[in-house]
Amino acid sequence: ERRRNLITELTSEIDGLEVHLPEGAFYLFPKCSSFFGKTDGTRVIN
C-alpha cells in the first residue's frame, strides 16, 4: 500500500501519463497513448 501510494503520486506528476489509483494487487496501469507518434529523433513511438 505504501509503494502503491508512492508510485501513483510520482507517476501522476509526469506530463502525458494518466493514472487511476489501484485498489488492489501490486500493479499500476497508466495510460500512455498521448506519446504515440512522438520520437526522440531515432525511435518513433507507434
All heavy atoms as atom14 arrays in JSON, in Angstrom:
{
  "sequence": "ERRRNLITELTSEIDGLEVHLPEGAFYLFPKCSSFFGKTDGTRVIN",
  "atom14_mask": [
    [1, 1, 1, 1, 1, 1, 1, 1, 1, 0, 0, 0, 0, 0],
    [1, 1, 1, 1, 1, 1, 1, 1, 1, 1, 1, 0, 0, 0],
    [1, 1, 1, 1, 1, 1, 1, 1, 1, 1, 1, 0, 0, 0],
    [1, 1, 1, 1, 1, 1, 1, 1, 1, 1, 1, 0, 0, 0],
    [1, 1, 1, 1, 1, 1, 1, 1, 0, 0, 0, 0, 0, 0],
    [1, 1, 1, 1, 1, 1, 1, 1, 0, 0, 0, 0, 0, 0],
    [1, 1, 1, 1, 1, 1, 1, 1, 0, 0, 0, 0, 0, 0],
    [1, 1, 1, 1, 1, 1, 1, 0, 0, 0, 0, 0, 0, 0],
    [1, 1, 1, 1, 1, 1, 1, 1, 1, 0, 0, 0, 0, 0],
    [1, 1, 1, 1, 1, 1, 1, 1, 0, 0, 0, 0, 0, 0],
    [1, 1, 1, 1, 1, 1, 1, 0, 0, 0, 0, 0, 0, 0],
    [1, 1, 1, 1, 1, 1, 0, 0, 0, 0, 0, 0, 0, 0],
    [1, 1, 1, 1, 1, 1, 1, 1, 1, 0, 0, 0, 0, 0],
    [1, 1, 1, 1, 1, 1, 1, 1, 0, 0, 0, 0, 0, 0],
    [1, 1, 1, 1, 1, 1, 1, 1, 0, 0, 0, 0, 0, 0],
    [1, 1, 1, 1, 0, 0, 0, 0, 0, 0, 0, 0, 0, 0],
    [1, 1, 1, 1, 1, 1, 1, 1, 0, 0, 0, 0, 0, 0],
    [1, 1, 1, 1, 1, 1, 1, 1, 1, 0, 0, 0, 0, 0],
    [1, 1, 1, 1, 1, 1, 1, 0, 0, 0, 0, 0, 0, 0],
    [1, 1, 1, 1, 1, 1, 1, 1, 1, 1, 0, 0, 0, 0],
    [1, 1, 1, 1, 1, 1, 1, 1, 0, 0, 0, 0, 0, 0],
    [1, 1, 1, 1, 1, 1, 1, 0, 0, 0, 0, 0, 0, 0],
    [1, 1, 1, 1, 1, 1, 1, 1, 1, 0, 0, 0, 0, 0],
    [1, 1, 1, 1, 0, 0, 0, 0, 0, 0, 0, 0, 0, 0],
    [1, 1, 1, 1, 1, 0, 0, 0, 0, 0, 0, 0, 0, 0],
    [1, 1, 1, 1, 1, 1, 1, 1, 1, 1, 1, 0, 0, 0],
    [1, 1, 1, 1, 1, 1, 1, 1, 1, 1, 1, 1, 0, 0],
    [1, 1, 1, 1, 1, 1, 1, 1, 0, 0, 0, 0, 0, 0],
    [1, 1, 1, 1, 1, 1, 1, 1, 1, 1, 1, 0, 0, 0],
    [1, 1, 1, 1, 1, 1, 1, 0, 0, 0, 0, 0, 0, 0],
    [1, 1, 1, 1, 1, 1, 1, 1, 1, 0, 0, 0, 0, 0],
    [1, 1, 1, 1, 1, 1, 0, 0, 0, 0, 0, 0, 0, 0],
    [1, 1, 1, 1, 1, 1, 0, 0, 0, 0, 0, 0, 0, 0],
    [1, 1, 1, 1, 1, 1, 0, 0, 0, 0, 0, 0, 0, 0],
    [1, 1, 1, 1, 1, 1, 1, 1, 1, 1, 1, 0, 0, 0],
    [1, 1, 1, 1, 1, 1, 1, 1, 1, 1, 1, 0, 0, 0],
    [1, 1, 1, 1, 0, 0, 0, 0, 0, 0, 0, 0, 0, 0],
    [1, 1, 1, 1, 1, 1, 1, 1, 1, 0, 0, 0, 0, 0],
    [1, 1, 1, 1, 1, 1, 1, 0, 0, 0, 0, 0, 0, 0],
    [1, 1, 1, 1, 1, 1, 1, 1, 0, 0, 0, 0, 0, 0],
    [1, 1, 1, 1, 0, 0, 0, 0, 0, 0, 0, 0, 0, 0],
    [1, 1, 1, 1, 1, 1, 1, 0, 0, 0, 0, 0, 0, 0],
    [1, 1, 1, 1, 1, 1, 1, 1, 1, 1, 1, 0, 0, 0],
    [1, 1, 1, 1, 1, 1, 1, 0, 0, 0, 0, 0, 0, 0],
    [1, 1, 1, 1, 1, 1, 1, 1, 0, 0, 0, 0, 0, 0],
    [1, 1, 1, 1, 1, 1, 1, 1, 0, 0, 0, 0, 0, 0]
  ],
  "atom14_positions": [
    [[0.83, -1.2, 0.0], [0.0, 0.0, 0.0], [0.87, 1.25, 0.0], [0.59, 2.22, -0.72], [-0.93, 0.01, 1.2], [-1.9, 1.19, 1.21], [-2.98, 1.08, 2.26], [-2.82, 0.28, 3.21], [-4.0, 1.78, 2.13], [0.0, 0.0, 0.0], [0.0, 0.0, 0.0], [0.0, 0.0, 0.0], [0.0, 0.0, 0.0], [0.0, 0.0, 0.0]],
    [[1.93, 1.24, 0.79], [2.85, 2.39, 0.81], [3.48, 2.58, -0.58], [3.57, 3.7, -1.08], [3.94, 2.14, 1.85], [4.91, 3.32, 2.01], [6.08, 2.99, 2.91], [6.99, 2.02, 2.29], [7.17, 0.78, 2.72], [6.51, 0.33, 3.78], [8.02, -0.02, 2.11], [0.0, 0.0, 0.0], [0.0, 0.0, 0.0], [0.0, 0.0, 0.0]],
    [[3.89, 1.49, -1.19], [4.5, 1.57, -2.52], [3.48, 2.02, -3.57], [3.83, 2.78, -4.48], [5.07, 0.21, -2.9], [6.21, -0.25, -2.02], [6.53, -1.7, -2.27], [7.64, -2.18, -1.47], [8.12, -3.43, -1.55], [7.57, -4.28, -2.4], [9.13, -3.8, -0.8], [0.0, 0.0, 0.0], [0.0, 0.0, 0.0], [0.0, 0.0, 0.0]],
    [[2.25, 1.56, -3.44], [1.2, 1.99, -4.35], [1.05, 3.5, -4.3], [0.97, 4.2, -5.33], [-0.13, 1.34, -3.99], [-1.3, 1.88, -4.8], [-2.63, 1.67, -4.15], [-2.83, 2.45, -2.95], [-4.01, 2.79, -2.43], [-5.12, 2.41, -3.05], [-4.11, 3.47, -1.33], [0.0, 0.0, 0.0], [0.0, 0.0, 0.0], [0.0, 0.0, 0.0]],
    [[0.97, 4.04, -3.09], [0.81, 5.49, -2.93], [2.0, 6.23, -3.54], [1.83, 7.27, -4.19], [0.66, 5.84, -1.46], [-0.62, 5.29, -0.86], [-1.57, 4.97, -1.58], [-0.66, 5.15, 0.46], [0.0, 0.0, 0.0], [0.0, 0.0, 0.0], [0.0, 0.0, 0.0], [0.0, 0.0, 0.0], [0.0, 0.0, 0.0], [0.0, 0.0, 0.0]],
    [[3.2, 5.69, -3.34], [4.41, 6.33, -3.84], [4.44, 6.34, -5.36], [4.63, 7.4, -5.98], [5.64, 5.61, -3.28], [7.0, 6.09, -3.79], [7.25, 7.55, -3.38], [8.12, 5.18, -3.27], [0.0, 0.0, 0.0], [0.0, 0.0, 0.0], [0.0, 0.0, 0.0], [0.0, 0.0, 0.0], [0.0, 0.0, 0.0], [0.0, 0.0, 0.0]],
    [[4.24, 5.17, -5.99], [4.37, 5.11, -7.45], [3.24, 5.87, -8.14], [3.45, 6.49, -9.18], [4.43, 3.64, -7.93], [4.96, 3.58, -9.37], [3.08, 2.94, -7.81], [5.28, 2.18, -9.85], [0.0, 0.0, 0.0], [0.0, 0.0, 0.0], [0.0, 0.0, 0.0], [0.0, 0.0, 0.0], [0.0, 0.0, 0.0], [0.0, 0.0, 0.0]],
    [[2.05, 5.87, -7.52], [0.93, 6.6, -8.12], [1.19, 8.1, -8.06], [0.96, 8.83, -9.06], [-0.39, 6.27, -7.4], [-0.61, 4.86, -7.45], [-1.56, 6.98, -8.07], [0.0, 0.0, 0.0], [0.0, 0.0, 0.0], [0.0, 0.0, 0.0], [0.0, 0.0, 0.0], [0.0, 0.0, 0.0], [0.0, 0.0, 0.0], [0.0, 0.0, 0.0]],
    [[1.68, 8.57, -6.93], [1.97, 10.0, -6.79], [3.05, 10.44, -7.77], [2.9, 11.47, -8.46], [2.42, 10.29, -5.35], [2.79, 11.75, -5.11], [3.33, 12.0, -3.71], [3.33, 11.06, -2.89], [3.78, 13.13, -3.44], [0.0, 0.0, 0.0], [0.0, 0.0, 0.0], [0.0, 0.0, 0.0], [0.0, 0.0, 0.0], [0.0, 0.0, 0.0]],
    [[4.13, 9.68, -7.86], [5.23, 10.07, -8.74], [4.85, 9.98, -10.21], [5.19, 10.87, -11.0], [6.45, 9.18, -8.46], [7.09, 9.32, -7.07], [8.22, 8.31, -6.91], [7.61, 10.74, -6.85], [0.0, 0.0, 0.0], [0.0, 0.0, 0.0], [0.0, 0.0, 0.0], [0.0, 0.0, 0.0], [0.0, 0.0, 0.0], [0.0, 0.0, 0.0]],
    [[4.12, 8.95, -10.58], [3.74, 8.78, -11.99], [2.74, 9.85, -12.42], [2.79, 10.34, -13.56], [3.14, 7.37, -12.22], [4.09, 6.39, -11.79], [2.82, 7.15, -13.68], [0.0, 0.0, 0.0], [0.0, 0.0, 0.0], [0.0, 0.0, 0.0], [0.0, 0.0, 0.0], [0.0, 0.0, 0.0], [0.0, 0.0, 0.0], [0.0, 0.0, 0.0]],
    [[1.85, 10.23, -11.52], [0.84, 11.23, -11.88], [1.46, 12.6, -12.13], [0.82, 13.47, -12.73], [-0.22, 11.32, -10.77], [0.36, 11.77, -9.56], [0.0, 0.0, 0.0], [0.0, 0.0, 0.0], [0.0, 0.0, 0.0], [0.0, 0.0, 0.0], [0.0, 0.0, 0.0], [0.0, 0.0, 0.0], [0.0, 0.0, 0.0], [0.0, 0.0, 0.0]],
    [[2.69, 12.79, -11.7], [3.38, 14.07, -11.93], [4.03, 14.14, -13.3], [4.51, 15.21, -13.7], [4.44, 14.27, -10.84], [3.85, 14.47, -9.44], [4.92, 14.51, -8.36], [6.11, 14.29, -8.7], [4.57, 14.75, -7.18], [0.0, 0.0, 0.0], [0.0, 0.0, 0.0], [0.0, 0.0, 0.0], [0.0, 0.0, 0.0], [0.0, 0.0, 0.0]],
    [[4.04, 13.03, -14.04], [4.67, 13.02, -15.37], [3.64, 13.48, -16.41], [2.58, 12.85, -16.57], [5.18, 11.61, -15.73], [6.23, 11.15, -14.71], [5.75, 11.59, -17.15], [6.73, 9.73, -14.94], [0.0, 0.0, 0.0], [0.0, 0.0, 0.0], [0.0, 0.0, 0.0], [0.0, 0.0, 0.0], [0.0, 0.0, 0.0], [0.0, 0.0, 0.0]],
    [[3.95, 14.57, -17.1], [3.05, 15.08, -18.13], [2.86, 14.04, -19.22], [3.82, 13.44, -19.73], [3.63, 16.35, -18.77], [3.57, 17.55, -17.83], [2.77, 17.5, -16.87], [4.32, 18.52, -18.04], [0.0, 0.0, 0.0], [0.0, 0.0, 0.0], [0.0, 0.0, 0.0], [0.0, 0.0, 0.0], [0.0, 0.0, 0.0], [0.0, 0.0, 0.0]],
    [[1.59, 13.8, -19.56], [1.27, 12.87, -20.64], [0.83, 11.5, -20.16], [0.26, 10.74, -20.94], [0.0, 0.0, 0.0], [0.0, 0.0, 0.0], [0.0, 0.0, 0.0], [0.0, 0.0, 0.0], [0.0, 0.0, 0.0], [0.0, 0.0, 0.0], [0.0, 0.0, 0.0], [0.0, 0.0, 0.0], [0.0, 0.0, 0.0], [0.0, 0.0, 0.0]],
    [[1.08, 11.17, -18.9], [0.61, 9.9, -18.35], [-0.61, 10.14, -17.49], [-0.67, 11.1, -16.73], [1.7, 9.23, -17.5], [2.94, 8.73, -18.23], [3.9, 8.05, -17.25], [2.58, 7.75, -19.36], [0.0, 0.0, 0.0], [0.0, 0.0, 0.0], [0.0, 0.0, 0.0], [0.0, 0.0, 0.0], [0.0, 0.0, 0.0], [0.0, 0.0, 0.0]],
    [[-1.61, 9.26, -17.63], [-2.82, 9.33, -16.81], [-2.9, 8.06, -15.96], [-2.61, 6.96, -16.44], [-4.07, 9.42, -17.68], [-4.12, 10.65, -18.57], [-5.37, 10.66, -19.43], [-6.48, 10.65, -18.86], [-5.23, 10.65, -20.67], [0.0, 0.0, 0.0], [0.0, 0.0, 0.0], [0.0, 0.0, 0.0], [0.0, 0.0, 0.0], [0.0, 0.0, 0.0]],
    [[-3.29, 8.23, -14.7], [-3.31, 7.07, -13.8], [-4.61, 7.02, -12.99], [-5.18, 8.05, -12.66], [-2.1, 7.06, -12.83], [-0.8, 6.97, -13.58], [-2.11, 8.29, -11.94], [0.0, 0.0, 0.0], [0.0, 0.0, 0.0], [0.0, 0.0, 0.0], [0.0, 0.0, 0.0], [0.0, 0.0, 0.0], [0.0, 0.0, 0.0], [0.0, 0.0, 0.0]],
    [[-5.04, 5.79, -12.69], [-6.05, 5.54, -11.68], [-5.35, 4.99, -10.45], [-4.39, 4.22, -10.58], [-7.08, 4.5, -12.16], [-8.07, 5.03, -13.14], [-8.83, 6.15, -12.9], [-8.44, 4.57, -14.36], [-9.63, 6.36, -13.94], [-9.41, 5.42, -14.84], [0.0, 0.0, 0.0], [0.0, 0.0, 0.0], [0.0, 0.0, 0.0], [0.0, 0.0, 0.0]],
    [[-5.82, 5.36, -9.27], [-5.27, 4.8, -8.04], [-5.72, 3.35, -7.93], [-6.92, 3.07, -7.81], [-5.77, 5.61, -6.84], [-5.23, 5.17, -5.47], [-3.74, 5.47, -5.36], [-6.0, 5.87, -4.34], [0.0, 0.0, 0.0], [0.0, 0.0, 0.0], [0.0, 0.0, 0.0], [0.0, 0.0, 0.0], [0.0, 0.0, 0.0], [0.0, 0.0, 0.0]],
    [[-4.79, 2.38, -7.96], [-5.19, 0.97, -7.87], [-5.78, 0.66, -6.49], [-5.32, 1.19, -5.48], [-3.87, 0.21, -8.08], [-2.9, 1.21, -8.62], [-3.33, 2.54, -8.11], [0.0, 0.0, 0.0], [0.0, 0.0, 0.0], [0.0, 0.0, 0.0], [0.0, 0.0, 0.0], [0.0, 0.0, 0.0], [0.0, 0.0, 0.0], [0.0, 0.0, 0.0]],
    [[-6.79, -0.19, -6.47], [-7.43, -0.56, -5.21], [-6.91, -1.88, -4.67], [-7.24, -2.27, -3.55], [-8.95, -0.65, -5.42], [-9.58, 0.68, -5.82], [-11.05, 0.54, -6.14], [-11.42, -0.39, -6.89], [-11.85, 1.33, -5.61], [0.0, 0.0, 0.0], [0.0, 0.0, 0.0], [0.0, 0.0, 0.0], [0.0, 0.0, 0.0], [0.0, 0.0, 0.0]],
    [[-6.12, -2.6, -5.48], [-5.59, -3.88, -5.04], [-4.45, -4.33, -5.93], [-4.03, -3.62, -6.85], [0.0, 0.0, 0.0], [0.0, 0.0, 0.0], [0.0, 0.0, 0.0], [0.0, 0.0, 0.0], [0.0, 0.0, 0.0], [0.0, 0.0, 0.0], [0.0, 0.0, 0.0], [0.0, 0.0, 0.0], [0.0, 0.0, 0.0], [0.0, 0.0, 0.0]],
    [[-3.93, -5.55, -5.64], [-2.79, -6.14, -6.34], [-1.57, -5.23, -6.19], [-1.51, -4.4, -5.28], [-3.13, -6.42, -7.8], [0.0, 0.0, 0.0], [0.0, 0.0, 0.0], [0.0, 0.0, 0.0], [0.0, 0.0, 0.0], [0.0, 0.0, 0.0], [0.0, 0.0, 0.0], [0.0, 0.0, 0.0], [0.0, 0.0, 0.0], [0.0, 0.0, 0.0]],
    [[-0.56, -5.39, -7.08], [0.62, -4.52, -6.98], [1.07, -4.05, -8.36], [2.23, -4.14, -8.72], [1.78, -5.2, -6.22], [1.96, -6.67, -6.49], [2.37, -7.13, -7.73], [1.76, -7.58, -5.48], [2.56, -8.49, -7.97], [1.96, -8.94, -5.69], [2.37, -9.39, -6.94], [0.0, 0.0, 0.0], [0.0, 0.0, 0.0], [0.0, 0.0, 0.0]],
    [[0.08, -3.54, -9.11], [0.34, -3.03, -10.45], [-0.26, -1.64, -10.64], [-1.33, -1.33, -10.11], [-0.27, -3.95, -11.51], [0.14, -5.39, -11.38], [-0.76, -6.34, -10.91], [1.42, -5.81, -11.74], [-0.4, -7.67, -10.79], [1.79, -7.14, -11.61], [0.88, -8.06, -11.14], [1.25, -9.37, -11.0], [0.0, 0.0, 0.0], [0.0, 0.0, 0.0]],
    [[0.45, -0.83, -11.43], [-0.08, 0.44, -11.91], [-0.2, 0.3, -13.42], [0.71, -0.23, -14.07], [0.85, 1.59, -11.53], [0.3, 3.0, -11.73], [-0.86, 3.26, -10.77], [1.39, 4.05, -11.53], [0.0, 0.0, 0.0], [0.0, 0.0, 0.0], [0.0, 0.0, 0.0], [0.0, 0.0, 0.0], [0.0, 0.0, 0.0], [0.0, 0.0, 0.0]],
    [[-1.3, 0.81, -13.98], [-1.58, 0.63, -15.41], [-1.87, 1.98, -16.05], [-3.01, 2.3, -16.39], [-2.77, -0.33, -15.57], [-2.84, -1.02, -16.9], [-1.84, -1.86, -17.33], [-3.96, -0.85, -17.72], [-1.92, -2.53, -18.55], [-4.06, -1.51, -18.94], [-3.04, -2.35, -19.36], [0.0, 0.0, 0.0], [0.0, 0.0, 0.0], [0.0, 0.0, 0.0]],
    [[-0.83, 2.8, -16.21], [-1.05, 4.17, -16.72], [-1.42, 4.19, -18.2], [-1.01, 3.33, -18.98], [0.32, 4.84, -16.51], [1.08, 3.95, -15.58], [0.56, 2.57, -15.84], [0.0, 0.0, 0.0], [0.0, 0.0, 0.0], [0.0, 0.0, 0.0], [0.0, 0.0, 0.0], [0.0, 0.0, 0.0], [0.0, 0.0, 0.0], [0.0, 0.0, 0.0]],
    [[-2.16, 5.21, -18.57], [-2.49, 5.46, -19.97], [-1.35, 6.27, -20.58], [-0.99, 7.33, -20.07], [-3.81, 6.22, -20.08], [-4.33, 6.38, -21.49], [-5.71, 7.03, -21.48], [-6.29, 7.16, -22.88], [-7.62, 7.81, -22.86], [0.0, 0.0, 0.0], [0.0, 0.0, 0.0], [0.0, 0.0, 0.0], [0.0, 0.0, 0.0], [0.0, 0.0, 0.0]],
    [[-0.8, 5.76, -21.68], [0.38, 6.38, -22.28], [0.17, 6.8, -23.72], [1.11, 7.19, -24.42], [1.58, 5.44, -22.2], [1.34, 3.85, -23.06], [0.0, 0.0, 0.0], [0.0, 0.0, 0.0], [0.0, 0.0, 0.0], [0.0, 0.0, 0.0], [0.0, 0.0, 0.0], [0.0, 0.0, 0.0], [0.0, 0.0, 0.0], [0.0, 0.0, 0.0]],
    [[-1.07, 6.75, -24.22], [-1.33, 6.96, -25.65], [-0.99, 8.37, -26.13], [-0.84, 8.59, -27.34], [-2.79, 6.64, -25.97], [-3.67, 7.37, -25.14], [0.0, 0.0, 0.0], [0.0, 0.0, 0.0], [0.0, 0.0, 0.0], [0.0, 0.0, 0.0], [0.0, 0.0, 0.0], [0.0, 0.0, 0.0], [0.0, 0.0, 0.0], [0.0, 0.0, 0.0]],
    [[-0.87, 9.32, -25.22], [-0.52, 10.68, -25.65], [0.88, 10.75, -26.24], [1.23, 11.73, -26.91], [-0.62, 11.66, -24.47], [0.38, 11.39, -23.52], [0.0, 0.0, 0.0], [0.0, 0.0, 0.0], [0.0, 0.0, 0.0], [0.0, 0.0, 0.0], [0.0, 0.0, 0.0], [0.0, 0.0, 0.0], [0.0, 0.0, 0.0], [0.0, 0.0, 0.0]],
    [[1.7, 9.72, -26.0], [3.06, 9.71, -26.54], [3.15, 9.02, -27.9], [4.21, 9.04, -28.52], [4.02, 9.01, -25.56], [4.25, 9.78, -24.29], [3.5, 9.51, -23.16], [5.18, 10.8, -24.25], [3.7, 10.22, -21.99], [5.39, 11.53, -23.09], [4.64, 11.25, -21.95], [0.0, 0.0, 0.0], [0.0, 0.0, 0.0], [0.0, 0.0, 0.0]],
    [[2.04, 8.42, -28.37], [2.08, 7.73, -29.66], [2.28, 8.76, -30.77], [1.63, 9.81, -30.81], [0.79, 6.95, -29.9], [0.57, 5.83, -28.9], [-0.64, 5.14, -28.87], [1.55, 5.47, -27.99], [-0.86, 4.11, -27.97], [1.35, 4.44, -27.07], [0.14, 3.77, -27.06], [0.0, 0.0, 0.0], [0.0, 0.0, 0.0], [0.0, 0.0, 0.0]],
    [[3.18, 8.44, -31.68], [3.53, 9.36, -32.76], [4.72, 10.23, -32.45], [5.25, 10.92, -33.34], [0.0, 0.0, 0.0], [0.0, 0.0, 0.0], [0.0, 0.0, 0.0], [0.0, 0.0, 0.0], [0.0, 0.0, 0.0], [0.0, 0.0, 0.0], [0.0, 0.0, 0.0], [0.0, 0.0, 0.0], [0.0, 0.0, 0.0], [0.0, 0.0, 0.0]],
    [[5.17, 10.24, -31.22], [6.32, 11.07, -30.84], [7.63, 10.32, -31.05], [7.66, 9.09, -31.17], [6.19, 11.52, -29.38], [5.02, 12.47, -29.15], [5.03, 13.05, -27.74], [3.91, 14.07, -27.56], [3.93, 14.7, -26.22], [0.0, 0.0, 0.0], [0.0, 0.0, 0.0], [0.0, 0.0, 0.0], [0.0, 0.0, 0.0], [0.0, 0.0, 0.0]],
    [[8.73, 11.07, -31.08], [10.04, 10.48, -31.35], [11.12, 11.17, -30.54], [10.97, 12.34, -30.15], [10.39, 10.57, -32.84], [11.68, 10.0, -33.07], [10.4, 12.02, -33.31], [0.0, 0.0, 0.0], [0.0, 0.0, 0.0], [0.0, 0.0, 0.0], [0.0, 0.0, 0.0], [0.0, 0.0, 0.0], [0.0, 0.0, 0.0], [0.0, 0.0, 0.0]],
    [[12.2, 10.44, -30.28], [13.37, 11.05, -29.64], [14.43, 11.4, -30.68], [15.55, 11.77, -30.32], [13.96, 10.1, -28.59], [14.54, 8.83, -29.21], [14.26, 8.55, -30.4], [15.28, 8.1, -28.51], [0.0, 0.0, 0.0], [0.0, 0.0, 0.0], [0.0, 0.0, 0.0], [0.0, 0.0, 0.0], [0.0, 0.0, 0.0], [0.0, 0.0, 0.0]],
    [[14.05, 11.28, -31.94], [14.98, 11.59, -33.03], [15.48, 10.35, -33.73], [15.9, 10.42, -34.89], [0.0, 0.0, 0.0], [0.0, 0.0, 0.0], [0.0, 0.0, 0.0], [0.0, 0.0, 0.0], [0.0, 0.0, 0.0], [0.0, 0.0, 0.0], [0.0, 0.0, 0.0], [0.0, 0.0, 0.0], [0.0, 0.0, 0.0], [0.0, 0.0, 0.0]],
    [[15.45, 9.22, -33.03], [15.89, 7.96, -33.65], [14.8, 6.9, -33.62], [14.74, 6.05, -34.49], [17.14, 7.41, -32.94], [16.85, 7.2, -31.55], [18.31, 8.38, -33.07], [0.0, 0.0, 0.0], [0.0, 0.0, 0.0], [0.0, 0.0, 0.0], [0.0, 0.0, 0.0], [0.0, 0.0, 0.0], [0.0, 0.0, 0.0], [0.0, 0.0, 0.0]],
    [[13.94, 6.96, -32.6], [12.86, 5.97, -32.46], [11.52, 6.68, -32.44], [11.37, 7.74, -31.84], [13.04, 5.18, -31.16], [14.22, 4.23, -31.16], [14.59, 3.79, -29.76], [15.19, 4.89, -29.01], [16.02, 4.74, -27.97], [16.3, 3.53, -27.55], [16.52, 5.78, -27.35], [0.0, 0.0, 0.0], [0.0, 0.0, 0.0], [0.0, 0.0, 0.0]],
    [[10.53, 6.05, -33.1], [9.18, 6.59, -33.11], [8.31, 5.67, -32.25], [8.35, 4.44, -32.37], [8.6, 6.68, -34.54], [7.16, 7.19, -34.5], [9.46, 7.58, -35.41], [0.0, 0.0, 0.0], [0.0, 0.0, 0.0], [0.0, 0.0, 0.0], [0.0, 0.0, 0.0], [0.0, 0.0, 0.0], [0.0, 0.0, 0.0], [0.0, 0.0, 0.0]],
    [[7.5, 6.28, -31.37], [6.6, 5.52, -30.51], [5.26, 5.39, -31.23], [4.47, 6.33, -31.29], [6.39, 6.22, -29.15], [7.73, 6.6, -28.52], [5.58, 5.33, -28.22], [8.65, 5.45, -28.23], [0.0, 0.0, 0.0], [0.0, 0.0, 0.0], [0.0, 0.0, 0.0], [0.0, 0.0, 0.0], [0.0, 0.0, 0.0], [0.0, 0.0, 0.0]],
    [[5.01, 4.21, -31.81], [3.75, 3.99, -32.54], [2.66, 3.36, -31.69], [1.48, 3.5, -31.99], [4.02, 3.11, -33.77], [4.88, 3.81, -34.8], [4.59, 4.92, -35.2], [5.96, 3.14, -35.21], [0.0, 0.0, 0.0], [0.0, 0.0, 0.0], [0.0, 0.0, 0.0], [0.0, 0.0, 0.0], [0.0, 0.0, 0.0], [0.0, 0.0, 0.0]]
  ]
}
